[in-house]
Amino acid sequence: MIRCLIIDDEPFARQEVADLLEKHSDIEVLAQCGNAIEALQHINRLKPDLIFVDIQMPRINGMELIAMLNPEQMPRAVFITAFDEYAIKAFDNNAFDYLLKPIDEKRFNQTLEKVRANMAPQLLDPILPKRLVHLPCYSGSKLKVVTTADVEFIVSDVGGIHVHCRHGFSHTQLTLKVLEEKTALFRCHKQYLLSPDAISEIEITDTGADVTTHSGAKVPVSRRYLKELKQLLGF
């Protein structure tokens, strides 16, 4: 059984894919997601084999969502898009699976046959953004989108991954590894990522350094990362 998610901000578009999949007994729809934040939570929790993902979603689009996923847990992706000659050219050049809206059932079935024949995750780097502009976050029951430019630091502890901005904090499903690789934040401690633009003051200590951010927060810098910090700031 192939376990899948359908990710699209348009309810009717999600239902169209679900209706087409009902005719295929070897594919199970685990959930339908209306935005990237919801989708990220479901992907991390349910670990689907396959996702159908719309590219043109608001705030965080389908490409940004894929770029946020841990490569080791990447599901097979089928992209769904309204006609976009640049996107389609990129897909064709890299042999990625895509469907055009409105979806043609014959093409849909052909895509499923390709997926069944090869469930290995694709190498998606050629078409993914190199840097994340937005981070999917949550605070209590509220979902929110935080721009990476607003982030001062991110810390990991037993309670999760916490994103600290000048005017408050929230939480994210993204891993420190993905955040380190896909943003301008740099690792200053095994549990911390720090924005260079957030640094107001640095105090050298016996164990490394303590950074004070513009909001007055304190962030530790381990000795092993102190040299990199100095180089980054031109010291």
Foldseek 3Di string as FASTA:
>chain_A
DFEEEEEALDPVQSVLVVVLCVVPPVYHYPYYHNDLQVVLVCCVVVLGQEYEAEQPDPPQGPLNSQLLDDPVSRHQYEYEYADDPVVVVQCVVQVHHYAHPVGDSVSVVVSVVVCVVPSDHGPCVVPHDQARQWAWWDAVPDTDIDGPVQFFKWFQDPVAIWTDGLVGITHHPGDPVSNCRHHCWHDQDPGMTGHLQQFDDWDQDPQAIWTQGPSGDIDDGGNVCNVVNCVVVVD
